[in-house]
Amino acid sequence: MTGKKERMDQGGGISEAAMRSLARTLLPSLREYLASDEGRRDYAEWRKMQGG
């Protein structure tokens, strides 16, 4: 622990430290996927469905 007080997310009960750790774990895989042909197609389809 860094000495900072961990703040709890009001909605899900996940601490900020846990959320940051999860993000550090998932971000490289998400970037790789979104850079792939399949990921770009899926993202374009999602954006279309969102009206953007």
PDB file of N, CA and C in Angstrom:
ATOM      1  N   MET A   1       0.844  -1.177   0.000  1.00  0.00           N
ATOM      2  CA  MET A   1       0.000   0.000   0.000  1.00  0.00           C
ATOM      3  C   MET A   1       0.884   1.233   0.000  1.00  0.00           C
ATOM      4  N   THR A   2       0.439   2.273  -0.695  1.00  0.00           N
ATOM      5  CA  THR A   2       1.243   3.469  -0.870  1.00  0.00           C
ATOM      6  C   THR A   2       1.097   4.464   0.263  1.00  0.00           C
ATOM      7  N   GLY A   3       0.284   4.148   1.242  1.00  0.00           N
ATOM      8  CA  GLY A   3       0.061   5.078   2.330  1.00  0.00           C
ATOM      9  C   GLY A   3      -1.168   5.944   2.098  1.00  0.00           C
ATOM     10  N   LYS A   4      -1.690   5.929   0.860  1.00  0.00           N
ATOM     11  CA  LYS A   4      -2.913   6.677   0.577  1.00  0.00           C
ATOM     12  C   LYS A   4      -4.104   5.884   1.099  1.00  0.00           C
ATOM     13  N   LYS A   5      -5.085   6.608   1.572  1.00  0.00           N
ATOM     14  CA  LYS A   5      -6.303   5.961   2.032  1.00  0.00           C
ATOM     15  C   LYS A   5      -7.073   5.441   0.820  1.00  0.00           C
ATOM     16  N   GLU A   6      -7.430   4.154   0.832  1.00  0.00           N
ATOM     17  CA  GLU A   6      -8.188   3.585  -0.271  1.00  0.00           C
ATOM     18  C   GLU A   6      -9.625   4.065  -0.202  1.00  0.00           C
ATOM     19  N   ARG A   7     -10.112   4.533  -1.307  1.00  0.00           N
ATOM     20  CA  ARG A   7     -11.481   5.012  -1.394  1.00  0.00           C
ATOM     21  C   ARG A   7     -12.333   3.914  -2.026  1.00  0.00           C
ATOM     22  N   MET A   8     -13.493   3.678  -1.477  1.00  0.00           N
ATOM     23  CA  MET A   8     -14.384   2.661  -2.011  1.00  0.00           C
ATOM     24  C   MET A   8     -15.340   3.294  -3.014  1.00  0.00           C
ATOM     25  N   ASP A   9     -15.554   2.617  -4.127  1.00  0.00           N
ATOM     26  CA  ASP A   9     -16.519   3.021  -5.130  1.00  0.00           C
ATOM     27  C   ASP A   9     -17.908   2.846  -4.515  1.00  0.00           C
ATOM     28  N   GLN A  10     -18.728   3.843  -4.605  1.00  0.00           N
ATOM     29  CA  GLN A  10     -20.052   3.782  -3.990  1.00  0.00           C
ATOM     30  C   GLN A  10     -20.948   2.740  -4.641  1.00  0.00           C
ATOM     31  N   GLY A  11     -20.774   2.502  -5.935  1.00  0.00           N
ATOM     32  CA  GLY A  11     -21.666   1.599  -6.642  1.00  0.00           C
ATOM     33  C   GLY A  11     -21.301   0.137  -6.498  1.00  0.00           C
ATOM     34  N   GLY A  12     -20.050  -0.214  -6.697  1.00  0.00           N
ATOM     35  CA  GLY A  12     -19.708  -1.619  -6.757  1.00  0.00           C
ATOM     36  C   GLY A  12     -18.903  -2.139  -5.595  1.00  0.00           C
ATOM     37  N   GLY A  13     -18.451  -1.293  -4.720  1.00  0.00           N
ATOM     38  CA  GLY A  13     -17.679  -1.739  -3.584  1.00  0.00           C
ATOM     39  C   GLY A  13     -16.262  -2.149  -3.935  1.00  0.00           C
ATOM     40  N   ILE A  14     -15.747  -1.673  -5.062  1.00  0.00           N
ATOM     41  CA  ILE A  14     -14.381  -2.006  -5.479  1.00  0.00           C
ATOM     42  C   ILE A  14     -13.492  -0.815  -5.143  1.00  0.00           C
ATOM     43  N   SER A  15     -12.403  -1.076  -4.462  1.00  0.00           N
ATOM     44  CA  SER A  15     -11.517   0.019  -4.083  1.00  0.00           C
ATOM     45  C   SER A  15     -10.827   0.600  -5.316  1.00  0.00           C
ATOM     46  N   GLU A  16     -10.401   1.830  -5.208  1.00  0.00           N
ATOM     47  CA  GLU A  16      -9.702   2.494  -6.302  1.00  0.00           C
ATOM     48  C   GLU A  16      -8.432   1.725  -6.657  1.00  0.00           C
ATOM     49  N   ALA A  17      -7.734   1.217  -5.662  1.00  0.00           N
ATOM     50  CA  ALA A  17      -6.503   0.462  -5.906  1.00  0.00           C
ATOM     51  C   ALA A  17      -6.794  -0.815  -6.696  1.00  0.00           C
ATOM     52  N   ALA A  18      -7.884  -1.506  -6.346  1.00  0.00           N
ATOM     53  CA  ALA A  18      -8.259  -2.717  -7.076  1.00  0.00           C
ATOM     54  C   ALA A  18      -8.656  -2.376  -8.503  1.00  0.00           C
ATOM     55  N   MET A  19      -9.367  -1.279  -8.693  1.00  0.00           N
ATOM     56  CA  MET A  19      -9.786  -0.858 -10.021  1.00  0.00           C
ATOM     57  C   MET A  19      -8.575  -0.514 -10.877  1.00  0.00           C
ATOM     58  N   ARG A  20      -7.600   0.164 -10.311  1.00  0.00           N
ATOM     59  CA  ARG A  20      -6.379   0.506 -11.056  1.00  0.00           C
ATOM     60  C   ARG A  20      -5.593  -0.753 -11.425  1.00  0.00           C
ATOM     61  N   SER A  21      -5.535  -1.688 -10.514  1.00  0.00           N
ATOM     62  CA  SER A  21      -4.838  -2.939 -10.778  1.00  0.00           C
ATOM     63  C   SER A  21      -5.520  -3.704 -11.913  1.00  0.00           C
ATOM     64  N   LEU A  22      -6.830  -3.748 -11.892  1.00  0.00           N
ATOM     65  CA  LEU A  22      -7.586  -4.403 -12.947  1.00  0.00           C
ATOM     66  C   LEU A  22      -7.343  -3.712 -14.285  1.00  0.00           C
ATOM     67  N   ALA A  23      -7.350  -2.398 -14.287  1.00  0.00           N
ATOM     68  CA  ALA A  23      -7.111  -1.646 -15.517  1.00  0.00           C
ATOM     69  C   ALA A  23      -5.715  -1.933 -16.070  1.00  0.00           C
ATOM     70  N   ARG A  24      -4.711  -1.976 -15.194  1.00  0.00           N
ATOM     71  CA  ARG A  24      -3.339  -2.267 -15.659  1.00  0.00           C
ATOM     72  C   ARG A  24      -3.251  -3.665 -16.259  1.00  0.00           C
ATOM     73  N   THR A  25      -4.051  -4.585 -15.747  1.00  0.00           N
ATOM     74  CA  THR A  25      -4.045  -5.959 -16.241  1.00  0.00           C
ATOM     75  C   THR A  25      -4.757  -6.061 -17.585  1.00  0.00           C
ATOM     76  N   LEU A  26      -5.897  -5.396 -17.723  1.00  0.00           N
ATOM     77  CA  LEU A  26      -6.721  -5.533 -18.921  1.00  0.00           C
ATOM     78  C   LEU A  26      -6.319  -4.632 -20.083  1.00  0.00           C
ATOM     79  N   LEU A  27      -5.758  -3.478 -19.797  1.00  0.00           N
ATOM     80  CA  LEU A  27      -5.482  -2.491 -20.835  1.00  0.00           C
ATOM     81  C   LEU A  27      -4.629  -3.020 -21.992  1.00  0.00           C
ATOM     82  N   PRO A  28      -3.534  -3.724 -21.744  1.00  0.00           N
ATOM     83  CA  PRO A  28      -2.746  -4.222 -22.882  1.00  0.00           C
ATOM     84  C   PRO A  28      -3.544  -5.153 -23.800  1.00  0.00           C
ATOM     85  N   SER A  29      -4.352  -6.019 -23.229  1.00  0.00           N
ATOM     86  CA  SER A  29      -5.165  -6.934 -24.041  1.00  0.00           C
ATOM     87  C   SER A  29      -6.230  -6.172 -24.822  1.00  0.00           C
ATOM     88  N   LEU A  30      -6.851  -5.190 -24.185  1.00  0.00           N
ATOM     89  CA  LEU A  30      -7.861  -4.392 -24.873  1.00  0.00           C
ATOM     90  C   LEU A  30      -7.247  -3.618 -26.038  1.00  0.00           C
ATOM     91  N   ARG A  31      -6.094  -3.035 -25.824  1.00  0.00           N
ATOM     92  CA  ARG A  31      -5.420  -2.297 -26.902  1.00  0.00           C
ATOM     93  C   ARG A  31      -5.080  -3.220 -28.069  1.00  0.00           C
ATOM     94  N   GLU A  32      -4.570  -4.405 -27.755  1.00  0.00           N
ATOM     95  CA  GLU A  32      -4.224  -5.370 -28.796  1.00  0.00           C
ATOM     96  C   GLU A  32      -5.465  -5.765 -29.593  1.00  0.00           C
ATOM     97  N   TYR A  33      -6.542  -6.049 -28.898  1.00  0.00           N
ATOM     98  CA  TYR A  33      -7.791  -6.439 -29.561  1.00  0.00           C
ATOM     99  C   TYR A  33      -8.315  -5.310 -30.452  1.00  0.00           C
ATOM    100  N   LEU A  34      -8.366  -4.096 -29.916  1.00  0.00           N
ATOM    101  CA  LEU A  34      -8.908  -2.981 -30.694  1.00  0.00           C
ATOM    102  C   LEU A  34      -8.021  -2.605 -31.874  1.00  0.00           C
ATOM    103  N   ALA A  35      -6.755  -2.989 -31.852  1.00  0.00           N
ATOM    104  CA  ALA A  35      -5.857  -2.732 -32.975  1.00  0.00           C
ATOM    105  C   ALA A  35      -5.979  -3.810 -34.051  1.00  0.00           C
ATOM    106  N   SER A  36      -6.627  -4.928 -33.728  1.00  0.00           N
ATOM    107  CA  SER A  36      -6.783  -6.015 -34.695  1.00  0.00           C
ATOM    108  C   SER A  36      -7.922  -5.696 -35.668  1.00  0.00           C
ATOM    109  N   ASP A  37      -7.943  -6.400 -36.798  1.00  0.00           N
ATOM    110  CA  ASP A  37      -9.017  -6.210 -37.773  1.00  0.00           C
ATOM    111  C   ASP A  37     -10.381  -6.493 -37.143  1.00  0.00           C
ATOM    112  N   GLU A  38     -10.470  -7.593 -36.402  1.00  0.00           N
ATOM    113  CA  GLU A  38     -11.730  -7.958 -35.758  1.00  0.00           C
ATOM    114  C   GLU A  38     -12.159  -6.880 -34.765  1.00  0.00           C
ATOM    115  N   GLY A  39     -11.236  -6.396 -33.980  1.00  0.00           N
ATOM    116  CA  GLY A  39     -11.545  -5.364 -33.000  1.00  0.00           C
ATOM    117  C   GLY A  39     -12.015  -4.077 -33.646  1.00  0.00           C
ATOM    118  N   ARG A  40     -11.370  -3.686 -34.734  1.00  0.00           N
ATOM    119  CA  ARG A  40     -11.793  -2.468 -35.440  1.00  0.00           C
ATOM    120  C   ARG A  40     -13.198  -2.635 -36.014  1.00  0.00           C
ATOM    121  N   ARG A  41     -13.497  -3.820 -36.569  1.00  0.00           N
ATOM    122  CA  ARG A  41     -14.844  -4.075 -37.099  1.00  0.00           C
ATOM    123  C   ARG A  41     -15.881  -4.032 -35.972  1.00  0.00           C
ATOM    124  N   ASP A  42     -15.575  -4.703 -34.874  1.00  0.00           N
ATOM    125  CA  ASP A  42     -16.504  -4.725 -33.747  1.00  0.00           C
ATOM    126  C   ASP A  42     -16.744  -3.329 -33.196  1.00  0.00           C
ATOM    127  N   TYR A  43     -15.682  -2.538 -33.095  1.00  0.00           N
ATOM    128  CA  TYR A  43     -15.807  -1.182 -32.571  1.00  0.00           C
ATOM    129  C   TYR A  43     -16.640  -0.322 -33.515  1.00  0.00           C
ATOM    130  N   ALA A  44     -16.400  -0.450 -34.818  1.00  0.00           N
ATOM    131  CA  ALA A  44     -17.177   0.312 -35.793  1.00  0.00           C
ATOM    132  C   ALA A  44     -18.654  -0.065 -35.706  1.00  0.00           C
ATOM    133  N   GLU A  45     -18.950  -1.347 -35.557  1.00  0.00           N
ATOM    134  CA  GLU A  45     -20.330  -1.804 -35.422  1.00  0.00           C
ATOM    135  C   GLU A  45     -20.955  -1.259 -34.142  1.00  0.00           C
ATOM    136  N   TRP A  46     -20.208  -1.286 -33.047  1.00  0.00           N
ATOM    137  CA  TRP A  46     -20.702  -0.762 -31.774  1.00  0.00           C
ATOM    138  C   TRP A  46     -21.020   0.728 -31.895  1.00  0.00           C
ATOM    139  N   ARG A  47     -20.106   1.473 -32.533  1.00  0.00           N
ATOM    140  CA  ARG A  47     -20.324   2.918 -32.694  1.00  0.00           C
ATOM    141  C   ARG A  47     -21.577   3.179 -33.522  1.00  0.00           C
ATOM    142  N   LYS A  48     -21.765   2.382 -34.565  1.00  0.00           N
ATOM    143  CA  LYS A  48     -22.943   2.529 -35.421  1.00  0.00           C
ATOM    144  C   LYS A  48     -24.215   2.309 -34.591  1.00  0.00           C
ATOM    145  N   MET A  49     -24.192   1.299 -33.757  1.00  0.00           N
ATOM    146  CA  MET A  49     -25.350   0.992 -32.904  1.00  0.00           C
ATOM    147  C   MET A  49     -25.594   2.091 -31.867  1.00  0.00           C
ATOM    148  N   GLN A  50     -24.532   2.803 -31.480  1.00  0.00           N
ATOM    149  CA  GLN A  50     -24.656   3.874 -30.491  1.00  0.00           C
ATOM    150  C   GLN A  50     -25.120   5.185 -31.121  1.00  0.00           C
ATOM    151  N   GLY A  51     -25.216   5.213 -32.448  1.00  0.00           N
ATOM    152  CA  GLY A  51     -25.636   6.417 -33.143  1.00  0.00           C
ATOM    153  C   GLY A  51     -24.488   7.363 -33.448  1.00  0.00           C
ATOM    154  N   GLY A  52     -23.275   6.826 -33.401  1.00  0.00           N
ATOM    155  CA  GLY A  52     -22.112   7.692 -33.638  1.00  0.00           C
ATOM    156  C   GLY A  52     -21.353   7.226 -34.759  1.00  0.00           C
TER     157      GLY A  52
END
